[in-house]
C-alpha cells in the first residue's frame, strides 16, 4: 500500500523540454548561436579571473567580489546551456525527474549567491566612499571571506528549500515544459496538486532573500550618492559616480529580469516572453557582466590586454 502511494505521488519519471524553438530548420542556428555565446561567456569571465589573479593592482576587495561573480556567471550558464546543446545534437528532449530537480537546485543556488554578492559589492563601495578612513579594517580579507561564505550559506538554504518544496508536489499529468531548462514557474503549471503553498513560499522567501539585499543596495548607494554630491569638483563627482555605474547597471539587469520571471506566477499561461527572460538570466547577463565591468575600467582593460598578450604585470 505504501509503495502504491509513493508511485502515485510522482507518476512522471521524466519531463520533455521543448527548448527555444520547435522548428527543425532553426535548431542548427540556435545551436551555433548558443554554443558561441557559451564560449564567449566562459572565455570572458575566465579572462576577468586571470586578470584579477595576475595583476597586483586588482588585489582589492571590489575585485575579489568581482572574481567570485565571474565564477558564478560561468556556473550559471554551465548549469543550463550545455544540456540544452546536448539535446539539440541528440534530438532527445527528455530530462529525468531527478536531473530536472538537480538543475533547479543549482540554478537557484548560483543565482542566490549572485544576489548576495551584489549586496556585498554595494557595501564595499559604501565603505570605500563614505568611510574611507576605516575601509581597510572594516573590509579586511577576513570580512570578505565571511561575506562570501554567508552568501553561499544563505543561497544554499534558499535553493534547498525550493527544491524540497517542489519535490513534495504530485506530477501525474502532462510532462511537457515549454522552456529550455527546469524552473519553478514551469513546474508549478505541470503539478496536479495545489501549488498555492509553494507560490506563497516563493513570494515570502523571495521577499526576504531578494528584497532585503535590494533594500541594502539602495540604502548603500543613497549614502554613496549623497557623499559624491558633496564633492566640489566636477571631475571628482564624475569619478565617484563612474566607480559605481557598472555595478548599478548589473544590479538593474539582474533584479529587473528576476522580478519579471518570478513575481507574476498567478498568470494562467506562461508566454514565449518567459523563454526570452530565461535567455537573459542564463546567457545574456553572464555574458554582459565582463563587458560592463571592464568597459570603463582602465585597470581591468590593461590587465586583460596583458593576459591576452601573455605579458607580465607592470606592478
Protein backbone atom coordinates (compact mmCIF):
# COMPACT_ATOMS: atom_id res chain seq x y z
CA UNK A 1 0.00 0.00 0.00
CA UNK A 2 2.85 2.38 0.89
CA UNK A 3 4.70 1.69 -2.39
CA UNK A 4 1.50 2.33 -4.33
CA UNK A 5 1.11 5.68 -2.54
CA UNK A 6 4.66 6.68 -3.47
CA UNK A 7 4.10 5.69 -7.10
CA UNK A 8 1.01 7.86 -7.25
CA UNK A 9 2.78 10.86 -5.74
CA UNK A 10 5.04 11.30 -8.76
CA UNK A 11 3.93 9.14 -11.66
CA UNK A 12 6.11 11.13 -14.07
CA UNK A 13 9.72 9.93 -14.26
CA UNK A 14 10.90 12.43 -16.86
CA UNK A 15 9.96 15.76 -18.42
CA UNK A 16 10.07 16.92 -22.04
CA UNK A 17 11.81 20.25 -22.59
CA UNK A 18 10.58 21.85 -25.81
CA UNK A 19 13.57 24.19 -25.96
CA UNK A 20 13.69 27.62 -27.53
CA UNK A 21 12.39 26.59 -30.96
CA UNK A 22 10.44 23.57 -32.16
CA UNK A 23 11.16 24.08 -35.87
CA UNK A 24 13.84 21.63 -37.02
CA UNK A 25 15.28 24.11 -39.54
CA UNK A 26 16.05 26.68 -36.83
CA UNK A 27 17.65 24.27 -34.37
CA UNK A 28 21.14 24.29 -36.01
CA UNK A 29 21.07 28.10 -35.92
CA UNK A 30 20.12 28.07 -32.23
CA UNK A 31 22.91 25.57 -31.53
CA UNK A 32 25.57 27.71 -33.22
CA UNK A 33 24.41 30.94 -31.55
CA UNK A 34 24.26 29.48 -28.04
CA UNK A 35 27.47 27.50 -28.43
CA UNK A 36 29.24 30.71 -29.43
CA UNK A 37 27.57 32.61 -26.56
CA UNK A 38 28.70 29.91 -24.12
CA UNK A 39 32.31 30.13 -25.33
CA UNK A 40 32.28 33.94 -25.16
CA UNK A 41 30.77 33.95 -21.65
CA UNK A 42 33.14 31.35 -20.23
CA UNK A 43 36.13 32.94 -22.00
CA UNK A 44 35.22 36.46 -20.89
CA UNK A 45 34.68 35.55 -17.24
CA UNK A 46 37.79 33.37 -17.06
CA UNK A 47 39.76 36.26 -18.57
CA UNK A 48 38.47 38.54 -15.82
CA UNK A 49 39.54 35.95 -13.25
CA UNK A 50 43.01 35.66 -14.82
CA UNK A 51 43.40 39.45 -14.91
CA UNK A 52 42.46 39.74 -11.22
CA UNK A 53 44.81 36.91 -10.31
CA UNK A 54 47.94 38.20 -12.09
CA UNK A 55 47.51 41.97 -11.64
CA UNK A 56 48.51 43.17 -8.11
CA UNK A 57 46.59 46.43 -8.59
CA UNK A 58 43.40 44.39 -8.77
CA UNK A 59 44.02 42.62 -5.45
CA UNK A 60 41.37 44.71 -3.69
CA UNK A 61 38.02 43.80 -2.08
CA UNK A 62 36.00 45.07 -5.05
CA UNK A 63 37.84 42.79 -7.48
CA UNK A 64 37.78 39.89 -5.01
CA UNK A 65 33.97 40.05 -5.17
CA UNK A 66 34.07 40.56 -8.94
CA UNK A 67 36.20 37.41 -9.30
CA UNK A 68 33.63 35.45 -7.31
CA UNK A 69 30.89 36.93 -9.51
CA UNK A 70 32.73 35.70 -12.61
CA UNK A 71 32.84 32.16 -11.17
CA UNK A 72 29.09 32.34 -10.58
CA UNK A 73 28.44 33.55 -14.13
CA UNK A 74 30.38 30.59 -15.55
CA UNK A 75 28.44 28.24 -13.26
CA UNK A 76 25.05 29.74 -14.09
CA UNK A 77 25.43 29.35 -17.85
CA UNK A 78 27.01 25.89 -17.45
CA UNK A 79 24.00 24.62 -15.46
CA UNK A 80 21.60 25.35 -18.33
CA UNK A 81 23.20 25.81 -21.76
CA UNK A 82 25.39 22.67 -22.25
CA UNK A 83 22.45 20.36 -21.50
CA UNK A 84 20.32 22.32 -23.99
CA UNK A 85 23.05 21.99 -26.64
CA UNK A 86 23.29 18.26 -25.97
CA UNK A 87 19.56 17.85 -26.51
CA UNK A 88 19.78 19.80 -29.77
CA UNK A 89 22.54 17.49 -31.02
CA UNK A 90 20.84 14.27 -29.99
CA UNK A 91 17.27 15.38 -30.81
CA UNK A 92 16.34 13.96 -27.40
CA UNK A 93 14.24 16.42 -25.44
CA UNK A 94 13.65 14.41 -22.28
CA UNK A 95 15.22 15.12 -18.90
CA UNK A 96 14.84 12.73 -15.93
CA UNK A 97 12.83 13.93 -12.94
CA UNK A 98 15.88 13.84 -10.65
CA UNK A 99 18.06 15.70 -13.17
CA UNK A 100 15.38 18.37 -13.52
CA UNK A 101 15.29 19.00 -9.76
CA UNK A 102 19.11 18.97 -9.64
CA UNK A 103 19.26 21.63 -12.35
CA UNK A 104 16.64 23.66 -10.46
CA UNK A 105 18.67 23.44 -7.23
CA UNK A 106 22.00 24.51 -8.72
CA UNK A 107 20.44 27.30 -10.77
CA UNK A 108 18.81 28.84 -7.70
CA UNK A 109 21.94 28.26 -5.63
CA UNK A 110 24.14 30.20 -8.06
CA UNK A 111 21.59 32.96 -8.67
CA UNK A 112 21.13 33.31 -4.90
CA UNK A 113 24.87 33.72 -4.29
CA UNK A 114 24.91 36.25 -7.13
CA UNK A 115 22.19 38.25 -5.35
CA UNK A 116 24.09 38.39 -2.05
CA UNK A 117 27.43 39.14 -3.69
CA UNK A 118 25.93 42.16 -5.42
CA UNK A 119 24.91 43.34 -1.95
CA UNK A 120 28.44 42.79 -0.62
CA UNK A 121 29.82 44.82 -3.54
CA UNK A 122 27.43 47.68 -2.75
CA UNK A 123 28.56 47.57 0.89
CA UNK A 124 32.17 47.67 -0.29
CA UNK A 125 31.52 50.82 -2.34
CA UNK A 126 29.69 52.40 0.61
CA UNK A 127 32.69 51.83 2.90
CA UNK A 128 35.22 52.95 0.27
CA UNK A 129 33.46 56.23 -0.48
CA UNK A 130 31.64 57.09 2.77
CA UNK A 131 34.01 55.57 5.35
CA UNK A 132 37.46 55.73 3.68
CA UNK A 133 39.43 56.05 6.93
CA UNK A 134 38.14 52.74 8.33
CA UNK A 135 37.78 50.97 4.97
CA UNK A 136 40.88 48.77 5.25
CA UNK A 137 39.88 47.41 8.65
CA UNK A 138 36.13 47.09 8.04
CA UNK A 139 36.68 45.35 4.70
CA UNK A 140 39.62 43.13 5.64
CA UNK A 141 40.31 39.79 3.96
CA UNK A 142 38.57 38.03 6.86
CA UNK A 143 35.43 40.16 6.38
CA UNK A 144 35.50 39.49 2.63
CA UNK A 145 35.65 35.71 3.17
CA UNK A 146 32.88 35.85 5.77
CA UNK A 147 30.63 37.78 3.37
CA UNK A 148 31.22 35.22 0.61
CA UNK A 149 30.69 32.28 2.99
CA UNK A 150 27.45 33.77 4.33
CA UNK A 151 26.29 34.39 0.74
CA UNK A 152 26.79 30.72 -0.12
CA UNK A 153 25.10 29.54 3.10
CA UNK A 154 22.01 31.70 2.59
CA UNK A 155 21.74 30.80 -1.10
CA UNK A 156 22.11 27.08 -0.28
CA UNK A 157 19.27 27.33 2.25
CA UNK A 158 17.08 29.12 -0.29
CA UNK A 159 17.77 26.66 -3.12
CA UNK A 160 17.30 23.62 -0.87
CA UNK A 161 14.00 24.99 0.47
CA UNK A 162 12.53 25.42 -3.02
CA UNK A 163 13.84 22.06 -4.24
CA UNK A 164 12.40 20.15 -1.29
CA UNK A 165 9.11 22.04 -1.63
CA UNK A 166 8.79 21.22 -5.34
CA UNK A 167 9.66 17.57 -4.62
CA UNK A 168 6.54 17.29 -2.42
CA UNK A 169 4.24 18.11 -5.36
CA UNK A 170 2.49 15.47 -7.44
CA UNK A 171 3.32 15.23 -11.15
CA UNK A 172 0.87 12.82 -12.74
CA UNK A 173 -0.39 14.55 -15.88
CA UNK A 174 1.30 16.43 -18.74
CA UNK A 175 5.10 16.43 -18.61
CA UNK A 176 5.90 18.94 -21.37
CA UNK A 177 7.85 22.02 -20.26
CA UNK A 178 7.73 24.89 -22.74
CA UNK A 179 11.23 26.08 -21.84
CA UNK A 180 14.88 25.06 -22.26
CA UNK A 181 15.63 24.40 -18.58
CA UNK A 182 13.73 23.41 -15.43
CA UNK A 183 12.48 26.26 -13.26
CA UNK A 184 9.77 26.86 -10.67
CA UNK A 185 7.05 28.62 -12.75
CA UNK A 186 7.05 25.90 -15.41
CA UNK A 187 6.99 23.05 -12.85
CA UNK A 188 4.17 24.72 -10.90
CA UNK A 189 2.00 24.60 -14.01
CA UNK A 190 2.59 20.87 -14.53
CA UNK A 191 1.76 19.82 -10.98
CA UNK A 192 -1.58 18.05 -10.47
CA UNK A 193 -1.66 19.08 -6.81
CA UNK A 194 -2.16 22.55 -5.37
CA UNK A 195 0.86 24.84 -5.70
CA UNK A 196 -0.60 27.65 -3.60
CA UNK A 197 1.71 27.00 -0.65
CA UNK A 198 4.72 26.72 -2.97
CA UNK A 199 3.90 30.04 -4.61
CA UNK A 200 3.39 31.70 -1.23
CA UNK A 201 6.73 30.25 -0.15
CA UNK A 202 8.40 31.64 -3.27
CA UNK A 203 6.95 35.11 -2.64
CA UNK A 204 7.81 35.07 1.08
CA UNK A 205 11.34 33.73 0.69
CA UNK A 206 11.88 35.93 -2.36
CA UNK A 207 10.84 38.99 -0.39
CA UNK A 208 13.34 38.15 2.36
CA UNK A 209 16.20 36.74 0.26
CA UNK A 210 15.98 39.22 -2.62
CA UNK A 211 14.05 42.17 -1.19
CA UNK A 212 16.36 42.64 1.79
CA UNK A 213 19.56 42.68 -0.34
CA UNK A 214 17.90 45.10 -2.78
CA UNK A 215 16.94 47.41 0.10
CA UNK A 216 20.52 47.29 1.40
CA UNK A 217 21.88 48.06 -2.07
CA UNK A 218 19.55 51.05 -2.47
CA UNK A 219 20.45 52.31 1.01
CA UNK A 220 24.19 51.93 0.34
CA UNK A 221 24.02 53.82 -2.93
CA UNK A 222 21.81 56.54 -1.45
CA UNK A 223 24.62 57.25 1.03
CA UNK A 224 27.21 56.99 -1.77
CA UNK A 225 25.27 59.46 -3.96
CA UNK A 226 24.96 61.91 -1.06
CA UNK A 227 28.71 61.67 -0.37
CA UNK A 228 29.66 62.12 -4.04
CA UNK A 229 27.36 65.13 -4.45
CA UNK A 230 29.21 66.83 -1.60
CA UNK A 231 32.42 66.74 -3.65
CA UNK A 232 33.03 70.23 -5.00
CA UNK A 233 34.93 69.43 -8.20
CA UNK A 234 33.03 68.21 -11.25
CA UNK A 235 35.85 65.79 -12.06
CA UNK A 236 35.69 64.32 -8.55
CA UNK A 237 31.92 63.80 -8.76
CA UNK A 238 32.30 62.20 -12.19
CA UNK A 239 34.96 59.80 -10.92
CA UNK A 240 32.88 58.93 -7.86
CA UNK A 241 29.79 58.05 -9.89
CA UNK A 242 31.78 56.17 -12.55
CA UNK A 243 33.15 53.74 -9.93
CA UNK A 244 29.59 52.71 -9.09
CA UNK A 245 27.96 52.90 -12.54
CA UNK A 246 28.99 49.42 -13.66
CA UNK A 247 27.69 47.78 -10.51
CA UNK A 248 24.37 49.64 -10.65
CA UNK A 249 23.90 48.55 -14.28
CA UNK A 250 24.41 44.88 -13.33
CA UNK A 251 22.04 45.25 -10.34
CA UNK A 252 19.31 46.78 -12.54
CA UNK A 253 19.57 44.00 -15.13
CA UNK A 254 19.72 41.24 -12.51
CA UNK A 255 16.72 42.40 -10.46
CA UNK A 256 14.68 43.56 -13.45
CA UNK A 257 14.74 40.14 -15.12
CA UNK A 258 14.26 38.34 -11.78
CA UNK A 259 11.16 40.34 -10.85
CA UNK A 260 9.61 39.73 -14.29
CA UNK A 261 10.28 35.99 -14.04
CA UNK A 262 9.15 35.18 -10.50
CA UNK A 263 6.79 37.89 -9.29
CA UNK A 264 3.90 37.13 -11.66
CA UNK A 265 3.18 33.46 -11.02
CA UNK A 266 -0.57 33.97 -10.92
CA UNK A 267 -0.82 34.16 -14.72
CA UNK A 268 -2.76 31.30 -16.22
CA UNK A 269 -0.33 30.66 -19.04
CA UNK A 270 3.36 31.36 -19.35
CA UNK A 271 4.16 33.10 -22.61
CA UNK A 272 7.06 32.95 -25.02
CA UNK A 273 8.42 36.02 -23.22
CA UNK A 274 9.46 33.70 -20.39
CA UNK A 275 11.92 31.99 -22.70
CA UNK A 276 13.37 35.38 -23.54
CA UNK A 277 13.72 36.21 -19.85
CA UNK A 278 15.31 32.80 -19.33
CA UNK A 279 17.87 33.54 -22.05
CA UNK A 280 18.52 36.89 -20.40
CA UNK A 281 19.06 35.31 -16.97
CA UNK A 282 21.22 32.39 -18.06
CA UNK A 283 23.09 33.69 -21.13
CA UNK A 284 22.92 37.44 -21.73
CA UNK A 285 23.50 38.55 -18.14
CA UNK A 286 26.59 36.36 -17.54
CA UNK A 287 27.95 37.36 -20.95
CA UNK A 288 27.44 41.10 -20.36
CA UNK A 289 28.98 41.25 -16.88
CA UNK A 290 32.65 41.07 -18.00
CA UNK A 291 31.94 43.71 -20.66
CA UNK A 292 30.15 46.03 -18.23
CA UNK A 293 32.83 45.81 -15.55
CA UNK A 294 35.74 46.31 -17.95
CA UNK A 295 34.20 48.90 -20.28
CA UNK A 296 35.05 51.97 -18.18
CA UNK A 297 37.82 50.47 -16.09
CA UNK A 298 41.34 51.13 -17.45
CA UNK A 299 42.95 48.89 -14.81
CA UNK A 300 40.87 45.88 -15.87
CA UNK A 301 41.35 46.70 -19.55
CA UNK A 302 45.12 46.92 -19.12
CA UNK A 303 45.25 43.65 -17.16
CA UNK A 304 43.06 41.87 -19.73
CA UNK A 305 45.27 43.12 -22.55
CA UNK A 306 48.35 41.73 -20.80
CA UNK A 307 46.57 38.41 -20.20
CA UNK A 308 45.68 38.12 -23.89
CA UNK A 309 49.21 39.03 -25.00
CA UNK A 310 50.88 36.88 -22.35
CA UNK A 311 52.72 39.86 -20.88
CA UNK A 312 53.78 40.04 -17.21
CA UNK A 313 52.22 42.51 -14.77
CA UNK A 314 53.59 46.06 -14.74
CA UNK A 315 53.36 46.28 -10.94
